Amino acid sequence: QVQLVESGGGSVQAGGSLKLSCAYSGYEYSSDCIGWFRQSPGKEREGIAAIYRDRTSQFYIDSVSGRFAISRDNAKDTAYLQMNSLKPEDSAMYYCAAYDIPRLRCLREGGAEETFPYWGQGTQVTVSA
């Protein structure tokens, strides 16, 4: 059974940093595509970044590009989201998701919730002004 477990969330002041981790297991092979999503109360879940197993193929939405960095360690079956220059509007529950899909689909559809059948339980990030 596929399992994803997020960790690293917490409370920080604006301008601070956090690094989220997503440990995945249950695949015979490393998860081809890992996505990070977030959801604030009253808002839809938003795909913010995705990374393919080659570690260099990455996708970001504009609002986090240049501030967040996605990475993965395939030997450790773990993906990361380094978040810098955090803003109050970054406050949300953050989720990672995984699926075995080709590289181009990961880049083109990595921000879409319906792309991924496997999800973690989420980790809360709160940024105060």
Protein backbone atom coordinates (compact mmCIF):
# COMPACT_ATOMS: atom_id res chain seq x y z
CA GLN A 1 0.00 0.00 0.00
CA VAL A 2 1.30 3.42 -0.95
CA GLN A 3 1.88 5.79 1.94
CA LEU A 4 3.04 9.39 2.04
CA VAL A 5 3.84 11.19 5.27
CA GLU A 6 4.50 14.92 5.46
CA SER A 7 6.42 16.62 8.23
CA GLY A 8 8.16 19.89 8.97
CA GLY A 9 5.23 22.24 9.25
CA GLY A 10 4.98 24.83 11.99
CA SER A 11 4.52 28.48 12.84
CA VAL A 12 6.91 31.15 11.65
CA GLN A 13 6.97 34.90 11.23
CA ALA A 14 6.77 36.52 7.83
CA GLY A 15 10.12 36.38 6.09
CA GLY A 16 11.05 33.13 7.79
CA SER A 17 11.72 29.71 6.34
CA LEU A 18 10.48 26.17 6.74
CA LYS A 19 11.46 22.90 5.07
CA LEU A 20 8.76 20.30 4.55
CA SER A 21 9.48 16.63 4.01
CA CYS A 22 7.41 13.96 2.29
CA ALA A 23 8.41 10.36 2.96
CA TYR A 24 6.84 7.92 0.51
CA SER A 25 6.71 4.15 0.59
CA GLY A 26 4.88 1.25 -0.94
CA TYR A 27 6.12 1.62 -4.50
CA GLU A 28 8.24 -1.03 -6.09
CA TYR A 29 10.06 1.83 -7.81
CA SER A 30 10.54 5.45 -6.75
CA SER A 31 7.47 7.56 -7.34
CA ASP A 32 7.95 9.16 -10.73
CA CYS A 33 6.19 12.41 -9.96
CA ILE A 34 5.82 14.10 -6.57
CA GLY A 35 3.62 17.14 -6.18
CA TRP A 36 3.16 19.62 -3.35
CA PHE A 37 -0.26 21.18 -2.78
CA ARG A 38 -1.74 23.52 -0.22
CA GLN A 39 -5.19 24.38 0.98
CA SER A 40 -6.36 27.28 3.10
CA PRO A 41 -9.75 27.36 4.84
CA GLY A 42 -12.48 28.20 2.37
CA LYS A 43 -10.21 27.80 -0.65
CA GLU A 44 -9.63 25.03 -3.14
CA ARG A 45 -6.54 22.87 -2.97
CA GLU A 46 -3.76 24.49 -5.01
CA GLY A 47 -0.88 22.72 -6.72
CA ILE A 48 2.30 24.71 -6.10
CA ALA A 49 5.22 22.55 -7.25
CA ALA A 50 6.07 19.18 -8.72
CA ILE A 51 9.25 17.22 -9.39
CA TYR A 52 10.03 14.25 -11.58
CA ARG A 53 12.29 11.38 -10.53
CA ASP A 54 15.25 12.87 -12.49
CA ARG A 55 15.24 15.63 -9.82
CA THR A 56 15.84 18.38 -12.40
CA SER A 57 12.43 18.47 -14.07
CA GLN A 58 10.41 20.80 -11.87
CA PHE A 59 7.24 22.85 -11.95
CA TYR A 60 6.29 25.89 -9.84
CA ILE A 61 3.37 28.24 -9.81
CA ASP A 62 4.24 31.92 -10.13
CA SER A 63 3.35 32.84 -6.56
CA VAL A 64 6.06 30.58 -5.08
CA SER A 65 8.65 30.63 -7.86
CA GLY A 66 11.93 32.04 -6.56
CA ARG A 67 10.89 31.56 -2.92
CA PHE A 68 10.18 27.81 -2.73
CA ALA A 69 12.43 24.99 -3.92
CA ILE A 70 11.32 21.41 -4.48
CA SER A 71 13.81 18.56 -4.30
CA ARG A 72 13.95 14.84 -3.73
CA ASP A 73 16.32 12.15 -2.53
CA ASN A 74 15.39 8.97 -4.37
CA ALA A 75 17.70 6.87 -2.20
CA LYS A 76 15.75 7.99 0.87
CA ASP A 77 12.33 7.95 -0.85
CA THR A 78 11.78 11.47 0.39
CA ALA A 79 10.80 14.72 -1.28
CA TYR A 80 11.27 18.18 0.18
CA LEU A 81 9.84 21.67 -0.13
CA GLN A 82 12.16 24.43 1.07
CA MET A 83 10.08 27.53 1.70
CA ASN A 84 11.83 30.87 2.08
CA SER A 85 10.59 34.45 2.44
CA LEU A 86 7.31 33.15 3.76
CA LYS A 87 4.27 35.40 3.66
CA PRO A 88 1.04 35.27 5.69
CA GLU A 89 -0.78 34.20 2.52
CA ASP A 90 1.38 31.06 2.44
CA SER A 91 -0.44 29.83 5.55
CA ALA A 92 -2.20 26.59 4.68
CA MET A 93 -2.27 22.85 5.11
CA TYR A 94 0.44 21.46 2.85
CA TYR A 95 0.10 18.07 1.19
CA CYS A 96 2.34 15.92 -0.94
CA ALA A 97 1.04 13.59 -3.61
CA ALA A 98 2.58 10.94 -5.83
CA TYR A 99 1.99 9.00 -9.01
CA ASP A 100 3.94 7.07 -11.62
CA ILE A 101 3.52 9.22 -14.72
CA PRO A 102 5.86 10.29 -17.53
CA ARG A 103 8.07 13.33 -17.19
CA LEU A 104 6.14 15.63 -19.54
CA ARG A 105 2.86 14.78 -17.85
CA CYS A 106 4.45 15.52 -14.47
CA LEU A 107 5.49 18.97 -15.70
CA ARG A 108 2.21 19.74 -17.50
CA GLU A 109 -0.24 18.25 -15.01
CA GLY A 110 1.79 18.25 -11.78
CA GLY A 111 -0.24 21.14 -10.43
CA ALA A 112 -3.58 19.46 -10.92
CA GLU A 113 -5.17 17.68 -8.00
CA GLU A 114 -6.77 15.04 -10.22
CA THR A 115 -3.36 13.91 -11.49
CA PHE A 116 -2.51 12.17 -8.23
CA PRO A 117 -4.27 9.22 -6.60
CA TYR A 118 -1.91 9.00 -3.62
CA TRP A 119 -1.87 11.66 -0.91
CA GLY A 120 -0.38 12.33 2.49
CA GLN A 121 -2.32 13.59 5.49
CA GLY A 122 -0.89 17.09 5.38
CA THR A 123 1.21 19.33 7.59
CA GLN A 124 0.11 22.77 8.77
CA VAL A 125 2.09 25.90 7.99
CA THR A 126 1.16 29.16 9.72
CA VAL A 127 2.90 32.42 8.86
CA SER A 128 2.25 35.41 11.09
CA ALA A 129 2.66 39.02 10.02
